[in-house]
């Protein structure tokens, strides 16, 4: 499935919920946000049907995001439903890791291949402040559980902000090198300002090779993180929504005044 710039679209990122059990400073205000109404959230059956159609159109890589995907009730069941779809070659998840210890083994048994864990510092006190209450020790237990379950390679995502120090970056490098993890530094971005950067250690932010589209929790197929366009699968039908989104995929990102990181998956 080629877009107008001859990029082959093979990657679908799915936000399964806009809800999260943390309140990271760069993602969500302390008071929270207005959640998407429950009846607007796609059911597991609807999400699975989107994946089936997308795979039939050339998608082979799926990543679940949020919000925090592990707060979605029954998430293991969704993994099992998607992993059984012929043509899904890579099924991954991005998580903050807080609930990973609880779910890692079941996720792996259901067919999840690997996880990216968000971890912006190895300082427990700073982590608690950045996330407004998060327990870094729980994340570490989750990472250990992911390794034990074979959700490999574990990737660590660090969002760099103005408060990120060179010492913290070096500590994260040492931590990942010692554990055999892959480390990605993601500079803080702004959807409304249209400021984004290449991911250090990953392919994100490199528009010329971008092969992804996104599905929001309420069913909008979005061509680019930095785009206001979205085509709802309930309104247009799945195939038409995907084709419209691919047709609107820009050469490079601009701005997004419609979504936020917590509901589009970052």
C-alpha atoms as a PDB file:
ATOM      1  CA  UNK A   1       0.000   0.000   0.000  1.00  0.00           C
ATOM      2  CA  UNK A   2       1.870   3.040  -1.297  1.00  0.00           C
ATOM      3  CA  UNK A   3       1.173   6.646  -0.401  1.00  0.00           C
ATOM      4  CA  UNK A   4       1.547   9.535  -2.843  1.00  0.00           C
ATOM      5  CA  UNK A   5       5.260   9.781  -2.017  1.00  0.00           C
ATOM      6  CA  UNK A   6       5.859   6.103  -2.776  1.00  0.00           C
ATOM      7  CA  UNK A   7       6.293   5.113   0.873  1.00  0.00           C
ATOM      8  CA  UNK A   8       5.082   1.587   1.564  1.00  0.00           C
ATOM      9  CA  UNK A   9       2.636   1.702   4.498  1.00  0.00           C
ATOM     10  CA  UNK A  10       3.136  -1.474   6.525  1.00  0.00           C
ATOM     11  CA  UNK A  11       2.857  -0.276  10.135  1.00  0.00           C
ATOM     12  CA  UNK A  12      -0.327   0.424  12.127  1.00  0.00           C
ATOM     13  CA  UNK A  13      -0.164   1.945  15.607  1.00  0.00           C
ATOM     14  CA  UNK A  14      -3.349   1.403  17.609  1.00  0.00           C
ATOM     15  CA  UNK A  15      -4.315   3.508  20.616  1.00  0.00           C
ATOM     16  CA  UNK A  16      -6.591   1.180  22.593  1.00  0.00           C
ATOM     17  CA  UNK A  17      -7.464   3.764  25.256  1.00  0.00           C
ATOM     18  CA  UNK A  18      -6.901   7.412  26.111  1.00  0.00           C
ATOM     19  CA  UNK A  19      -6.738   6.586  29.818  1.00  0.00           C
ATOM     20  CA  UNK A  20      -3.509   6.329  31.785  1.00  0.00           C
ATOM     21  CA  UNK A  21      -2.419   5.510  35.324  1.00  0.00           C
ATOM     22  CA  UNK A  22       0.284   8.219  35.270  1.00  0.00           C
ATOM     23  CA  UNK A  23       0.196  11.974  34.688  1.00  0.00           C
ATOM     24  CA  UNK A  24       3.555  12.696  33.052  1.00  0.00           C
ATOM     25  CA  UNK A  25       4.251  16.442  32.835  1.00  0.00           C
ATOM     26  CA  UNK A  26       4.872  16.463  29.074  1.00  0.00           C
ATOM     27  CA  UNK A  27       1.794  14.387  28.246  1.00  0.00           C
ATOM     28  CA  UNK A  28      -1.112  15.259  30.495  1.00  0.00           C
ATOM     29  CA  UNK A  29      -2.152  18.049  32.886  1.00  0.00           C
ATOM     30  CA  UNK A  30      -2.180  17.190  36.583  1.00  0.00           C
ATOM     31  CA  UNK A  31      -5.969  17.470  36.774  1.00  0.00           C
ATOM     32  CA  UNK A  32      -6.404  14.988  33.951  1.00  0.00           C
ATOM     33  CA  UNK A  33      -8.435  15.444  30.795  1.00  0.00           C
ATOM     34  CA  UNK A  34     -11.915  14.927  29.428  1.00  0.00           C
ATOM     35  CA  UNK A  35     -11.969  11.235  28.549  1.00  0.00           C
ATOM     36  CA  UNK A  36     -13.470   9.841  25.356  1.00  0.00           C
ATOM     37  CA  UNK A  37     -17.001   8.564  26.157  1.00  0.00           C
ATOM     38  CA  UNK A  38     -17.057   4.800  26.629  1.00  0.00           C
ATOM     39  CA  UNK A  39     -19.500   4.196  23.770  1.00  0.00           C
ATOM     40  CA  UNK A  40     -17.146   5.997  21.384  1.00  0.00           C
ATOM     41  CA  UNK A  41     -14.235   3.643  22.144  1.00  0.00           C
ATOM     42  CA  UNK A  42     -13.755   0.867  19.614  1.00  0.00           C
ATOM     43  CA  UNK A  43     -14.577  -2.615  20.880  1.00  0.00           C
ATOM     44  CA  UNK A  44     -12.026  -5.414  20.666  1.00  0.00           C
ATOM     45  CA  UNK A  45     -14.044  -6.913  17.838  1.00  0.00           C
ATOM     46  CA  UNK A  46     -13.919  -3.638  15.911  1.00  0.00           C
ATOM     47  CA  UNK A  47     -10.179  -3.245  16.477  1.00  0.00           C
ATOM     48  CA  UNK A  48      -9.572  -6.811  15.337  1.00  0.00           C
ATOM     49  CA  UNK A  49     -11.584  -6.223  12.178  1.00  0.00           C
ATOM     50  CA  UNK A  50      -9.541  -3.097  11.433  1.00  0.00           C
ATOM     51  CA  UNK A  51      -6.365  -5.155  11.775  1.00  0.00           C
ATOM     52  CA  UNK A  52      -7.714  -7.865   9.466  1.00  0.00           C
ATOM     53  CA  UNK A  53      -8.559  -5.331   6.771  1.00  0.00           C
ATOM     54  CA  UNK A  54      -5.283  -3.433   7.229  1.00  0.00           C
ATOM     55  CA  UNK A  55      -3.272  -6.653   6.913  1.00  0.00           C
ATOM     56  CA  UNK A  56      -5.147  -7.438   3.727  1.00  0.00           C
ATOM     57  CA  UNK A  57      -4.003  -4.053   2.419  1.00  0.00           C
ATOM     58  CA  UNK A  58      -0.335  -4.665   3.213  1.00  0.00           C
ATOM     59  CA  UNK A  59       0.143  -3.885   6.914  1.00  0.00           C
ATOM     60  CA  UNK A  60       2.256  -6.452   8.782  1.00  0.00           C
ATOM     61  CA  UNK A  61       3.392  -4.604  11.917  1.00  0.00           C
ATOM     62  CA  UNK A  62       1.038  -3.671  14.767  1.00  0.00           C
ATOM     63  CA  UNK A  63       1.873  -1.704  17.907  1.00  0.00           C
ATOM     64  CA  UNK A  64      -0.573  -1.101  20.755  1.00  0.00           C
ATOM     65  CA  UNK A  65      -0.349   2.208  22.587  1.00  0.00           C
ATOM     66  CA  UNK A  66      -2.602   4.415  24.697  1.00  0.00           C
ATOM     67  CA  UNK A  67      -2.868   6.284  26.980  1.00  0.00           C
ATOM     68  CA  UNK A  68      -1.551   3.254  28.793  1.00  0.00           C
ATOM     69  CA  UNK A  69      -2.687   0.091  26.986  1.00  0.00           C
ATOM     70  CA  UNK A  70      -2.474  -2.117  30.070  1.00  0.00           C
ATOM     71  CA  UNK A  71      -5.272  -0.185  31.810  1.00  0.00           C
ATOM     72  CA  UNK A  72      -7.703  -1.352  29.103  1.00  0.00           C
ATOM     73  CA  UNK A  73      -9.727  -4.157  30.671  1.00  0.00           C
ATOM     74  CA  UNK A  74      -9.215  -7.476  28.896  1.00  0.00           C
ATOM     75  CA  UNK A  75      -6.134  -6.325  26.959  1.00  0.00           C
ATOM     76  CA  UNK A  76      -4.721  -9.875  26.952  1.00  0.00           C
ATOM     77  CA  UNK A  77      -7.825 -11.033  25.087  1.00  0.00           C
ATOM     78  CA  UNK A  78      -7.238  -8.398  22.411  1.00  0.00           C
ATOM     79  CA  UNK A  79      -3.647  -9.556  21.972  1.00  0.00           C
ATOM     80  CA  UNK A  80      -4.863 -13.127  21.510  1.00  0.00           C
ATOM     81  CA  UNK A  81      -7.432 -12.002  18.930  1.00  0.00           C
ATOM     82  CA  UNK A  82      -4.875 -10.050  16.914  1.00  0.00           C
ATOM     83  CA  UNK A  83      -2.007 -12.520  17.144  1.00  0.00           C
ATOM     84  CA  UNK A  84      -4.162 -15.126  15.442  1.00  0.00           C
ATOM     85  CA  UNK A  85      -4.626 -13.011  12.311  1.00  0.00           C
ATOM     86  CA  UNK A  86      -2.564 -14.401   9.409  1.00  0.00           C
ATOM     87  CA  UNK A  87      -0.132 -11.765   8.153  1.00  0.00           C
ATOM     88  CA  UNK A  88       0.557 -10.084  11.497  1.00  0.00           C
ATOM     89  CA  UNK A  89       4.322 -10.538  11.617  1.00  0.00           C
ATOM     90  CA  UNK A  90       5.209  -8.117  14.422  1.00  0.00           C
ATOM     91  CA  UNK A  91       2.917  -7.441  17.379  1.00  0.00           C
ATOM     92  CA  UNK A  92       4.338  -5.072  19.989  1.00  0.00           C
ATOM     93  CA  UNK A  93       3.257  -2.712  22.758  1.00  0.00           C
ATOM     94  CA  UNK A  94       4.456   0.560  24.244  1.00  0.00           C
ATOM     95  CA  UNK A  95       3.773   0.751  27.992  1.00  0.00           C
ATOM     96  CA  UNK A  96       4.823   2.757  31.011  1.00  0.00           C
ATOM     97  CA  UNK A  97       5.572  -0.564  32.710  1.00  0.00           C
ATOM     98  CA  UNK A  98       3.600   0.043  35.905  1.00  0.00           C
ATOM     99  CA  UNK A  99       1.300  -2.963  35.285  1.00  0.00           C
ATOM    100  CA  UNK A 100       3.763  -5.006  33.259  1.00  0.00           C
ATOM    101  CA  UNK A 101       4.762  -7.334  36.105  1.00  0.00           C
ATOM    102  CA  UNK A 102       1.118  -8.392  36.387  1.00  0.00           C
ATOM    103  CA  UNK A 103       0.542  -8.984  32.686  1.00  0.00           C
ATOM    104  CA  UNK A 104       3.863  -9.850  31.008  1.00  0.00           C
ATOM    105  CA  UNK A 105       3.565 -13.638  31.106  1.00  0.00           C
ATOM    106  CA  UNK A 106      -0.056 -13.614  29.920  1.00  0.00           C
ATOM    107  CA  UNK A 107       0.729 -11.123  27.157  1.00  0.00           C
ATOM    108  CA  UNK A 108       3.542 -13.313  25.866  1.00  0.00           C
ATOM    109  CA  UNK A 109       1.361 -16.420  26.013  1.00  0.00           C
ATOM    110  CA  UNK A 110      -1.337 -14.565  24.063  1.00  0.00           C
ATOM    111  CA  UNK A 111       1.100 -13.730  21.264  1.00  0.00           C
ATOM    112  CA  UNK A 112       2.684 -10.364  22.067  1.00  0.00           C
ATOM    113  CA  UNK A 113       6.238 -10.324  20.709  1.00  0.00           C
ATOM    114  CA  UNK A 114       7.969  -7.442  22.496  1.00  0.00           C
ATOM    115  CA  UNK A 115       7.559  -4.251  24.506  1.00  0.00           C
ATOM    116  CA  UNK A 116       8.874  -0.710  24.620  1.00  0.00           C
ATOM    117  CA  UNK A 117       8.928   0.651  28.160  1.00  0.00           C
ATOM    118  CA  UNK A 118       8.858   4.393  28.864  1.00  0.00           C
ATOM    119  CA  UNK A 119      11.549   5.341  31.368  1.00  0.00           C
ATOM    120  CA  UNK A 120      12.833   8.913  31.444  1.00  0.00           C
ATOM    121  CA  UNK A 121      15.217   8.675  34.390  1.00  0.00           C
ATOM    122  CA  UNK A 122      16.774   6.151  36.775  1.00  0.00           C
ATOM    123  CA  UNK A 123      16.333   8.503  39.720  1.00  0.00           C
ATOM    124  CA  UNK A 124      13.281   7.201  41.664  1.00  0.00           C
ATOM    125  CA  UNK A 125      12.477  10.587  43.196  1.00  0.00           C
ATOM    126  CA  UNK A 126      12.676  12.417  39.890  1.00  0.00           C
ATOM    127  CA  UNK A 127      10.645   9.676  38.204  1.00  0.00           C
ATOM    128  CA  UNK A 128       7.948  10.124  40.836  1.00  0.00           C
ATOM    129  CA  UNK A 129       7.845  13.871  40.164  1.00  0.00           C
ATOM    130  CA  UNK A 130       7.926  13.550  36.361  1.00  0.00           C
ATOM    131  CA  UNK A 131       5.054  11.088  36.383  1.00  0.00           C
ATOM    132  CA  UNK A 132       3.194  12.726  39.272  1.00  0.00           C
ATOM    133  CA  UNK A 133       3.158   9.690  41.509  1.00  0.00           C
ATOM    134  CA  UNK A 134       4.725   6.824  39.559  1.00  0.00           C
ATOM    135  CA  UNK A 135       6.758   4.141  41.342  1.00  0.00           C
ATOM    136  CA  UNK A 136       9.946   3.382  39.419  1.00  0.00           C
ATOM    137  CA  UNK A 137      10.476   0.184  41.409  1.00  0.00           C
ATOM    138  CA  UNK A 138       7.259  -1.167  39.883  1.00  0.00           C
ATOM    139  CA  UNK A 139       8.547  -0.351  36.402  1.00  0.00           C
ATOM    140  CA  UNK A 140      11.760  -2.244  37.096  1.00  0.00           C
ATOM    141  CA  UNK A 141       9.764  -5.269  38.230  1.00  0.00           C
ATOM    142  CA  UNK A 142       7.762  -4.991  35.017  1.00  0.00           C
ATOM    143  CA  UNK A 143      10.911  -4.886  32.908  1.00  0.00           C
ATOM    144  CA  UNK A 144      12.231  -7.990  34.682  1.00  0.00           C
ATOM    145  CA  UNK A 145       8.918  -9.747  34.089  1.00  0.00           C
ATOM    146  CA  UNK A 146       9.046  -8.844  30.391  1.00  0.00           C
ATOM    147  CA  UNK A 147      12.527 -10.352  30.105  1.00  0.00           C
ATOM    148  CA  UNK A 148      11.426 -13.495  31.947  1.00  0.00           C
ATOM    149  CA  UNK A 149       8.411 -13.808  29.623  1.00  0.00           C
ATOM    150  CA  UNK A 150      10.575 -13.493  26.506  1.00  0.00           C
ATOM    151  CA  UNK A 151       9.154 -10.158  25.342  1.00  0.00           C
ATOM    152  CA  UNK A 152      12.414  -9.350  23.595  1.00  0.00           C
ATOM    153  CA  UNK A 153      14.178  -7.231  22.669  1.00  0.00           C
ATOM    154  CA  UNK A 154      13.032  -4.861  25.401  1.00  0.00           C
ATOM    155  CA  UNK A 155      13.345  -1.269  24.251  1.00  0.00           C
ATOM    156  CA  UNK A 156      13.547   1.672  26.638  1.00  0.00           C
ATOM    157  CA  UNK A 157      11.987   4.965  25.545  1.00  0.00           C
ATOM    158  CA  UNK A 158      13.346   8.104  27.200  1.00  0.00           C
ATOM    159  CA  UNK A 159      11.645  11.423  26.483  1.00  0.00           C
ATOM    160  CA  UNK A 160      14.249  14.162  26.686  1.00  0.00           C
ATOM    161  CA  UNK A 161      13.050  17.402  28.223  1.00  0.00           C
ATOM    162  CA  UNK A 162      14.864  20.553  29.260  1.00  0.00           C
ATOM    163  CA  UNK A 163      15.344  18.887  32.659  1.00  0.00           C
ATOM    164  CA  UNK A 164      17.100  15.796  31.276  1.00  0.00           C
ATOM    165  CA  UNK A 165      20.768  15.853  32.279  1.00  0.00           C
ATOM    166  CA  UNK A 166      23.738  14.327  30.498  1.00  0.00           C
ATOM    167  CA  UNK A 167      24.342  12.221  33.609  1.00  0.00           C
ATOM    168  CA  UNK A 168      20.848  10.746  33.375  1.00  0.00           C
ATOM    169  CA  UNK A 169      21.381   9.893  29.729  1.00  0.00           C
ATOM    170  CA  UNK A 170      24.659   8.186  30.506  1.00  0.00           C
ATOM    171  CA  UNK A 171      23.080   6.222  33.345  1.00  0.00           C
ATOM    172  CA  UNK A 172      20.354   5.015  31.011  1.00  0.00           C
ATOM    173  CA  UNK A 173      22.936   4.022  28.395  1.00  0.00           C
ATOM    174  CA  UNK A 174      24.878   2.024  30.974  1.00  0.00           C
ATOM    175  CA  UNK A 175      21.692   0.400  32.288  1.00  0.00           C
ATOM    176  CA  UNK A 176      20.548  -0.664  28.827  1.00  0.00           C
ATOM    177  CA  UNK A 177      23.967  -1.846  27.733  1.00  0.00           C
ATOM    178  CA  UNK A 178      24.319  -3.985  30.849  1.00  0.00           C
ATOM    179  CA  UNK A 179      20.895  -5.562  30.327  1.00  0.00           C
ATOM    180  CA  UNK A 180      21.063  -5.908  26.552  1.00  0.00           C
ATOM    181  CA  UNK A 181      18.191  -3.451  26.016  1.00  0.00           C
ATOM    182  CA  UNK A 182      17.792  -1.063  23.107  1.00  0.00           C
ATOM    183  CA  UNK A 183      17.624   2.603  24.111  1.00  0.00           C
ATOM    184  CA  UNK A 184      15.769   5.346  22.260  1.00  0.00           C
ATOM    185  CA  UNK A 185      15.993   9.036  23.134  1.00  0.00           C
ATOM    186  CA  UNK A 186      12.911  10.966  22.031  1.00  0.00           C
ATOM    187  CA  UNK A 187      13.157  14.736  22.228  1.00  0.00           C
ATOM    188  CA  UNK A 188      10.089  16.420  23.682  1.00  0.00           C
ATOM    189  CA  UNK A 189       7.763  17.401  20.866  1.00  0.00           C
ATOM    190  CA  UNK A 190       4.764  19.681  20.477  1.00  0.00           C
ATOM    191  CA  UNK A 191       1.806  18.674  18.326  1.00  0.00           C
ATOM    192  CA  UNK A 192       0.344  22.166  18.198  1.00  0.00           C
ATOM    193  CA  UNK A 193       3.647  23.852  17.382  1.00  0.00           C
ATOM    194  CA  UNK A 194       4.605  21.169  14.900  1.00  0.00           C
ATOM    195  CA  UNK A 195       8.010  20.651  16.497  1.00  0.00           C
ATOM    196  CA  UNK A 196       9.392  17.140  16.069  1.00  0.00           C
ATOM    197  CA  UNK A 197      12.800  15.526  15.728  1.00  0.00           C
ATOM    198  CA  UNK A 198      14.381  12.250  14.628  1.00  0.00           C
ATOM    199  CA  UNK A 199      14.417   9.628  17.348  1.00  0.00           C
ATOM    200  CA  UNK A 200      17.921   8.771  18.506  1.00  0.00           C
ATOM    201  CA  UNK A 201      18.133   4.989  18.255  1.00  0.00           C
ATOM    202  CA  UNK A 202      14.915   4.586  16.252  1.00  0.00           C
ATOM    203  CA  UNK A 203      13.186   5.471  12.989  1.00  0.00           C
ATOM    204  CA  UNK A 204      10.560   7.875  14.338  1.00  0.00           C
ATOM    205  CA  UNK A 205      10.630  11.455  13.128  1.00  0.00           C
ATOM    206  CA  UNK A 206      12.232  10.552   9.789  1.00  0.00           C
ATOM    207  CA  UNK A 207       9.451  11.547   7.457  1.00  0.00           C
ATOM    208  CA  UNK A 208      11.035  10.352   4.214  1.00  0.00           C
ATOM    209  CA  UNK A 209      10.902   6.730   5.383  1.00  0.00           C
ATOM    210  CA  UNK A 210       7.748   6.864   7.520  1.00  0.00           C
ATOM    211  CA  UNK A 211       5.655   3.748   6.911  1.00  0.00           C
ATOM    212  CA  UNK A 212       2.997   4.171   9.599  1.00  0.00           C
ATOM    213  CA  UNK A 213      -0.600   5.177  10.054  1.00  0.00           C
ATOM    214  CA  UNK A 214      -2.499   5.380  13.331  1.00  0.00           C
ATOM    215  CA  UNK A 215      -5.832   4.262  14.721  1.00  0.00           C
ATOM    216  CA  UNK A 216      -7.184   6.241  17.671  1.00  0.00           C
ATOM    217  CA  UNK A 217      -9.237   4.682  20.430  1.00  0.00           C
ATOM    218  CA  UNK A 218     -12.419   6.219  18.996  1.00  0.00           C
ATOM    219  CA  UNK A 219     -11.742   4.819  15.525  1.00  0.00           C
ATOM    220  CA  UNK A 220     -10.099   7.611  13.545  1.00  0.00           C
ATOM    221  CA  UNK A 221      -7.432   6.489  11.085  1.00  0.00           C
ATOM    222  CA  UNK A 222      -4.801   9.236  11.199  1.00  0.00           C
ATOM    223  CA  UNK A 223      -2.156   9.604   8.467  1.00  0.00           C
ATOM    224  CA  UNK A 224       0.528  11.274  10.587  1.00  0.00           C
ATOM    225  CA  UNK A 225       1.148  12.179  14.221  1.00  0.00           C
ATOM    226  CA  UNK A 226       1.437  15.793  13.059  1.00  0.00           C
ATOM    227  CA  UNK A 227      -1.746  15.979  10.993  1.00  0.00           C
ATOM    228  CA  UNK A 228      -5.299  17.121  11.729  1.00  0.00           C
ATOM    229  CA  UNK A 229      -6.822  14.629   9.303  1.00  0.00           C
ATOM    230  CA  UNK A 230      -8.653  11.573  10.599  1.00  0.00           C
ATOM    231  CA  UNK A 231     -11.187   9.223   9.035  1.00  0.00           C
ATOM    232  CA  UNK A 232     -13.474   7.264  11.312  1.00  0.00           C
ATOM    233  CA  UNK A 233     -13.884   3.574  10.550  1.00  0.00           C
ATOM    234  CA  UNK A 234     -17.497   3.607  11.720  1.00  0.00           C
ATOM    235  CA  UNK A 235     -18.345   6.491   9.419  1.00  0.00           C
ATOM    236  CA  UNK A 236     -16.381   5.583   6.295  1.00  0.00           C
ATOM    237  CA  UNK A 237     -15.908   1.850   6.694  1.00  0.00           C
ATOM    238  CA  UNK A 238     -12.504   0.398   7.449  1.00  0.00           C
ATOM    239  CA  UNK A 239     -10.982   0.106   3.979  1.00  0.00           C
ATOM    240  CA  UNK A 240     -12.159   3.542   2.871  1.00  0.00           C
ATOM    241  CA  UNK A 241     -10.928   5.171   6.093  1.00  0.00           C
ATOM    242  CA  UNK A 242      -7.499   3.593   5.617  1.00  0.00           C
ATOM    243  CA  UNK A 243      -7.303   4.610   1.961  1.00  0.00           C
ATOM    244  CA  UNK A 244      -8.299   8.193   2.768  1.00  0.00           C
ATOM    245  CA  UNK A 245      -5.697   8.421   5.542  1.00  0.00           C
ATOM    246  CA  UNK A 246      -2.952   6.996   3.328  1.00  0.00           C
ATOM    247  CA  UNK A 247      -3.974   9.429   0.582  1.00  0.00           C
ATOM    248  CA  UNK A 248      -3.583  12.340   3.012  1.00  0.00           C
ATOM    249  CA  UNK A 249      -0.234  11.238   4.428  1.00  0.00           C
ATOM    250  CA  UNK A 250       1.966  14.334   4.058  1.00  0.00           C
ATOM    251  CA  UNK A 251       5.547  14.494   2.858  1.00  0.00           C
ATOM    252  CA  UNK A 252       6.409  15.779   6.311  1.00  0.00           C
ATOM    253  CA  UNK A 253       4.493  16.482   9.498  1.00  0.00           C
ATOM    254  CA  UNK A 254       2.910  19.873  10.144  1.00  0.00           C
ATOM    255  CA  UNK A 255       0.703  20.402  13.219  1.00  0.00           C
ATOM    256  CA  UNK A 256      -2.014  18.540  15.064  1.00  0.00           C
ATOM    257  CA  UNK A 257      -4.644  20.677  16.762  1.00  0.00           C
ATOM    258  CA  UNK A 258      -7.144  17.822  17.059  1.00  0.00           C
ATOM    259  CA  UNK A 259      -5.345  15.164  19.102  1.00  0.00           C
ATOM    260  CA  UNK A 260      -2.905  15.014  22.009  1.00  0.00           C
ATOM    261  CA  UNK A 261      -0.141  12.560  22.852  1.00  0.00           C
ATOM    262  CA  UNK A 262      -2.291  10.799  25.479  1.00  0.00           C
ATOM    263  CA  UNK A 263      -4.974   9.845  22.923  1.00  0.00           C
ATOM    264  CA  UNK A 264      -2.959   9.207  19.778  1.00  0.00           C
ATOM    265  CA  UNK A 265      -0.185   7.052  21.163  1.00  0.00           C
ATOM    266  CA  UNK A 266       2.846   9.273  20.736  1.00  0.00           C
END
